[in-house]
Structure formats: structure tokens, C-alpha cells
N, C-alpha and C. Protein backbone atom coordinates (compact mmCIF):
# COMPACT_ATOMS: atom_id res chain seq x y z
N MET A 1 -1.26 309.01 -24.56
CA MET A 1 -1.21 307.57 -24.57
C MET A 1 -2.59 307.01 -24.74
N ALA A 2 -2.59 305.93 -25.25
CA ALA A 2 -4.06 305.17 -25.68
C ALA A 2 -4.01 304.18 -24.55
N GLU A 3 -5.28 303.82 -24.35
CA GLU A 3 -5.73 303.03 -23.47
C GLU A 3 -6.48 301.70 -24.35
N ILE A 4 -5.81 300.29 -24.54
CA ILE A 4 -6.03 299.32 -25.49
C ILE A 4 -6.75 298.28 -24.80
N HIS A 5 -7.89 297.76 -25.04
CA HIS A 5 -8.46 296.45 -24.37
C HIS A 5 -8.34 295.42 -25.08
N LYS A 6 -7.96 294.21 -24.56
CA LYS A 6 -7.71 293.03 -25.34
C LYS A 6 -8.12 291.89 -24.45
N LYS A 7 -8.75 290.89 -25.09
CA LYS A 7 -9.18 289.47 -24.43
C LYS A 7 -7.88 288.74 -24.06
N ILE A 8 -7.98 287.99 -22.85
CA ILE A 8 -6.95 287.24 -22.68
C ILE A 8 -7.63 285.96 -21.94
N TRP A 9 -7.12 284.81 -22.32
CA TRP A 9 -7.62 283.54 -21.87
C TRP A 9 -7.25 283.11 -20.35
N PRO A 10 -8.17 282.51 -19.66
CA PRO A 10 -7.74 282.26 -18.18
C PRO A 10 -6.38 281.89 -17.74
N GLN A 11 -5.85 280.97 -18.49
CA GLN A 11 -4.57 280.33 -18.20
C GLN A 11 -3.47 281.50 -18.36
N TRP A 12 -3.54 282.45 -19.25
CA TRP A 12 -2.58 283.55 -19.55
C TRP A 12 -2.96 284.73 -18.48
N PHE A 13 -4.31 284.92 -18.27
CA PHE A 13 -4.47 285.73 -17.17
C PHE A 13 -3.95 285.59 -15.93
N GLU A 14 -4.16 284.15 -15.55
CA GLU A 14 -3.42 283.96 -14.13
C GLU A 14 -1.89 284.02 -14.17
N ALA A 15 -1.19 283.72 -15.25
CA ALA A 15 0.18 283.82 -15.40
C ALA A 15 0.61 285.25 -15.34
N VAL A 16 0.01 286.14 -15.90
CA VAL A 16 0.23 287.76 -16.13
C VAL A 16 -0.15 288.13 -14.36
N SER A 17 -1.16 287.83 -14.11
CA SER A 17 -1.79 288.26 -12.61
C SER A 17 -0.92 287.76 -11.47
N SER A 18 -0.23 286.58 -11.62
CA SER A 18 0.74 286.20 -10.73
C SER A 18 2.21 286.80 -10.84
N GLY A 19 2.40 287.49 -12.08
CA GLY A 19 3.47 288.07 -12.18
C GLY A 19 4.54 287.24 -12.78
N LYS A 20 4.25 285.95 -13.19
CA LYS A 20 5.06 285.09 -13.90
C LYS A 20 5.36 285.27 -15.28
N LYS A 21 4.20 285.56 -15.85
CA LYS A 21 4.22 286.21 -17.32
C LYS A 21 4.34 287.66 -17.35
N LYS A 22 5.66 288.07 -18.19
CA LYS A 22 5.83 289.29 -18.30
C LYS A 22 6.04 289.81 -19.73
N PHE A 23 5.29 289.24 -20.49
CA PHE A 23 5.25 289.59 -21.98
C PHE A 23 3.92 289.18 -22.57
N ASP A 24 3.70 289.58 -23.78
CA ASP A 24 2.46 289.26 -24.48
C ASP A 24 2.85 289.27 -25.94
N LEU A 25 2.25 288.23 -26.45
CA LEU A 25 2.26 288.23 -28.07
C LEU A 25 0.89 288.29 -28.48
N ARG A 26 0.84 289.24 -29.51
CA ARG A 26 -0.40 289.63 -30.30
C ARG A 26 -0.29 289.74 -31.72
N VAL A 27 -1.29 289.49 -32.47
CA VAL A 27 -1.26 289.81 -33.88
C VAL A 27 -1.15 291.39 -33.75
N ALA A 28 -0.51 291.95 -34.90
CA ALA A 28 -0.28 293.31 -34.83
C ALA A 28 -1.10 294.06 -35.64
N ASP A 29 -2.61 293.74 -35.37
CA ASP A 29 -3.73 294.33 -36.09
C ASP A 29 -4.34 295.43 -35.51
N PHE A 30 -3.36 296.08 -34.51
CA PHE A 30 -3.72 297.46 -33.88
C PHE A 30 -2.61 298.24 -33.50
N GLU A 31 -2.73 299.32 -33.09
CA GLU A 31 -1.69 300.29 -32.76
C GLU A 31 -1.24 300.27 -31.52
N VAL A 32 -0.12 300.29 -31.05
CA VAL A 32 0.32 300.00 -29.68
C VAL A 32 1.59 300.68 -29.55
N LYS A 33 2.15 301.48 -28.42
CA LYS A 33 3.37 302.05 -28.29
C LYS A 33 3.89 302.01 -26.92
N GLU A 34 5.18 302.26 -26.71
CA GLU A 34 5.56 302.22 -25.23
C GLU A 34 4.85 303.43 -24.50
N GLY A 35 4.32 303.18 -23.42
CA GLY A 35 3.76 304.04 -22.50
C GLY A 35 2.08 304.01 -22.53
N ASP A 36 1.46 303.23 -23.60
CA ASP A 36 0.18 302.82 -23.80
C ASP A 36 -0.24 302.18 -22.55
N THR A 37 -1.42 302.02 -22.16
CA THR A 37 -2.18 300.95 -21.37
C THR A 37 -2.84 300.01 -21.93
N LEU A 38 -2.37 298.73 -21.47
CA LEU A 38 -3.11 297.63 -21.92
C LEU A 38 -4.00 297.03 -20.95
N VAL A 39 -5.39 297.05 -21.08
CA VAL A 39 -6.31 296.43 -20.39
C VAL A 39 -6.52 295.14 -20.96
N LEU A 40 -6.25 294.14 -19.97
CA LEU A 40 -6.61 292.56 -20.35
C LEU A 40 -7.85 292.15 -19.66
N GLU A 41 -8.80 291.76 -20.51
CA GLU A 41 -10.05 291.46 -20.05
C GLU A 41 -10.02 289.82 -20.18
N GLU A 42 -10.30 289.29 -19.01
CA GLU A 42 -10.31 287.74 -19.20
C GLU A 42 -11.48 287.17 -19.89
N TRP A 43 -11.41 286.42 -20.79
CA TRP A 43 -12.36 285.73 -21.84
C TRP A 43 -12.33 284.23 -21.48
N ASP A 44 -13.30 283.66 -21.31
CA ASP A 44 -13.58 282.08 -21.12
C ASP A 44 -13.91 281.50 -22.37
N PRO A 45 -13.26 280.93 -23.10
CA PRO A 45 -13.30 280.47 -24.51
C PRO A 45 -14.56 279.20 -24.38
N LYS A 46 -14.56 278.60 -23.32
CA LYS A 46 -15.84 277.46 -23.01
C LYS A 46 -17.01 278.12 -23.23
N THR A 47 -17.10 279.28 -22.47
CA THR A 47 -18.56 279.94 -22.34
C THR A 47 -18.69 281.15 -23.34
N SER A 48 -17.60 281.31 -24.07
CA SER A 48 -17.69 282.52 -24.89
C SER A 48 -18.21 283.79 -24.31
N GLU A 49 -17.74 284.13 -23.05
CA GLU A 49 -18.00 285.17 -22.32
C GLU A 49 -16.78 285.71 -21.43
N TYR A 50 -16.89 287.07 -21.21
CA TYR A 50 -16.00 287.71 -20.25
C TYR A 50 -16.32 287.27 -18.81
N THR A 51 -15.18 287.09 -17.97
CA THR A 51 -15.45 286.67 -16.72
C THR A 51 -15.69 287.96 -15.69
N GLY A 52 -15.28 288.99 -16.22
CA GLY A 52 -15.44 290.30 -15.35
C GLY A 52 -14.09 290.66 -14.77
N ARG A 53 -13.04 289.69 -14.79
CA ARG A 53 -11.81 290.09 -14.20
C ARG A 53 -10.96 290.75 -15.28
N THR A 54 -10.33 291.77 -14.92
CA THR A 54 -9.28 292.47 -15.79
C THR A 54 -7.93 292.76 -15.00
N LEU A 55 -6.96 292.82 -15.76
CA LEU A 55 -5.76 293.55 -15.43
C LEU A 55 -5.29 294.76 -16.30
N THR A 56 -4.63 295.78 -15.72
CA THR A 56 -4.11 296.95 -16.41
C THR A 56 -2.63 296.98 -16.29
N LYS A 57 -2.19 297.00 -17.38
CA LYS A 57 -0.59 296.99 -17.53
C LYS A 57 -0.13 298.14 -18.26
N ARG A 58 0.92 298.98 -17.89
CA ARG A 58 1.63 299.70 -18.72
C ARG A 58 2.55 298.95 -19.81
N VAL A 59 2.48 299.52 -21.12
CA VAL A 59 3.34 299.06 -22.22
C VAL A 59 4.61 299.40 -22.03
N GLY A 60 5.60 298.40 -21.95
CA GLY A 60 7.18 298.93 -22.08
C GLY A 60 7.60 298.51 -23.67
N TYR A 61 8.59 298.07 -23.82
CA TYR A 61 9.18 297.73 -25.16
C TYR A 61 8.11 297.12 -26.05
N VAL A 62 7.93 297.50 -27.31
CA VAL A 62 7.30 296.83 -28.31
C VAL A 62 7.96 296.54 -29.49
N GLY A 63 8.26 295.25 -29.95
CA GLY A 63 8.68 295.02 -30.92
C GLY A 63 7.85 294.33 -31.95
N LYS A 64 7.93 294.77 -33.30
CA LYS A 64 6.97 294.16 -34.34
C LYS A 64 7.77 293.53 -35.35
N PHE A 65 7.39 292.29 -36.03
CA PHE A 65 7.99 291.68 -36.90
C PHE A 65 7.16 290.93 -37.71
N ASP A 66 7.43 290.57 -39.00
CA ASP A 66 6.67 289.60 -39.70
C ASP A 66 7.47 288.01 -39.73
N LEU A 67 6.84 287.24 -40.37
CA LEU A 67 7.41 285.95 -40.48
C LEU A 67 8.81 285.91 -41.31
N ASN A 68 9.12 286.85 -41.87
CA ASN A 68 10.24 286.81 -42.78
C ASN A 68 11.35 287.84 -42.33
N THR A 69 11.05 288.66 -41.39
CA THR A 69 11.79 289.58 -40.94
C THR A 69 13.23 288.95 -40.72
N PHE A 70 13.27 287.76 -40.15
CA PHE A 70 14.73 287.15 -39.88
C PHE A 70 14.97 286.17 -41.02
N GLY A 71 14.36 286.34 -42.06
CA GLY A 71 14.84 285.50 -43.29
C GLY A 71 14.46 284.05 -43.18
N GLN A 72 13.64 283.60 -42.32
CA GLN A 72 13.60 282.22 -41.94
C GLN A 72 12.24 281.78 -41.94
N ARG A 73 11.22 282.43 -42.66
CA ARG A 73 9.82 282.09 -42.73
C ARG A 73 9.38 280.62 -42.86
N ALA A 74 10.23 279.84 -43.66
CA ALA A 74 9.75 278.43 -43.66
C ALA A 74 10.22 277.71 -42.38
N LEU A 75 11.28 278.09 -41.69
CA LEU A 75 11.53 277.53 -40.60
C LEU A 75 10.75 277.90 -39.42
N ILE A 76 10.10 279.35 -39.41
CA ILE A 76 9.17 279.72 -38.37
C ILE A 76 7.80 278.91 -38.52
N GLU A 77 7.49 278.87 -39.86
CA GLU A 77 6.10 278.16 -40.32
C GLU A 77 6.13 276.71 -39.61
N LYS A 78 7.46 276.03 -39.87
CA LYS A 78 7.50 274.55 -39.53
C LYS A 78 7.66 274.56 -38.00
N ASN A 79 8.38 275.20 -37.35
CA ASN A 79 8.70 275.13 -35.81
C ASN A 79 7.95 275.96 -35.02
N GLY A 80 7.46 277.12 -35.44
CA GLY A 80 6.91 278.15 -34.54
C GLY A 80 7.92 279.02 -33.92
N LEU A 81 7.60 279.88 -32.84
CA LEU A 81 8.56 280.75 -32.28
C LEU A 81 8.59 280.64 -30.78
N TYR A 82 9.58 280.78 -30.22
CA TYR A 82 9.51 281.15 -28.57
C TYR A 82 9.57 282.49 -28.28
N ALA A 83 8.79 282.58 -27.31
CA ALA A 83 8.99 284.07 -26.34
C ALA A 83 9.59 283.84 -25.48
N ILE A 84 10.60 284.16 -25.13
CA ILE A 84 11.64 283.94 -24.05
C ILE A 84 11.74 285.17 -23.05
N GLN A 85 11.32 285.01 -22.00
CA GLN A 85 11.45 286.02 -20.94
C GLN A 85 12.72 286.19 -20.39
N LEU A 86 13.25 287.23 -20.30
CA LEU A 86 14.73 287.49 -19.69
C LEU A 86 14.73 288.09 -18.37
N GLU A 87 15.18 287.41 -17.45
CA GLU A 87 15.20 287.89 -16.04
C GLU A 87 16.43 288.16 -15.41
């Protein structure tokens, strides 16, 4: 199992830390699989520095798709995507 370090902005760090946000959207420019460890390192875009706070989460389900996976590239480019948490 891999340990993967990624930046996370303060508002998203807080949402993950509180347990409110239980998903993460990332550009698929790295390898990740179920069971890996994701280390989220808080990054302050105002100062361009890490804050020193980190969260460690185990990776569950990983879904990967491109903009045309659903045959709706133009609609996605126009409207964006939702990430919907199911509870």
C-alpha cells in the first residue's frame, strides 16, 4: 500500500477534519488505489506555504473517469460536475 501526500486548501481541510466532507476530487496525475493512505497537508494559497497541519485518511473506493466517459463532454465543460456525498 502506498502513502500519497497531497496539498489541501484550508476550507477543504476543515471540512475533511470535521467529518463533513467524505470525498476528494483530484486530477488523476498520480496512481492511487483502495487501501492506500492519503496524507492531506494543509496549504495556504494566500501565503503559498504549508500550515503544518495534516490529516491521514485511508483510501476507499476510487473512481476514475475523463470528461467524455459519460458521452457528455460539452455539457460537463459548460456546467461542471457535482460531487455528491451519499449518507
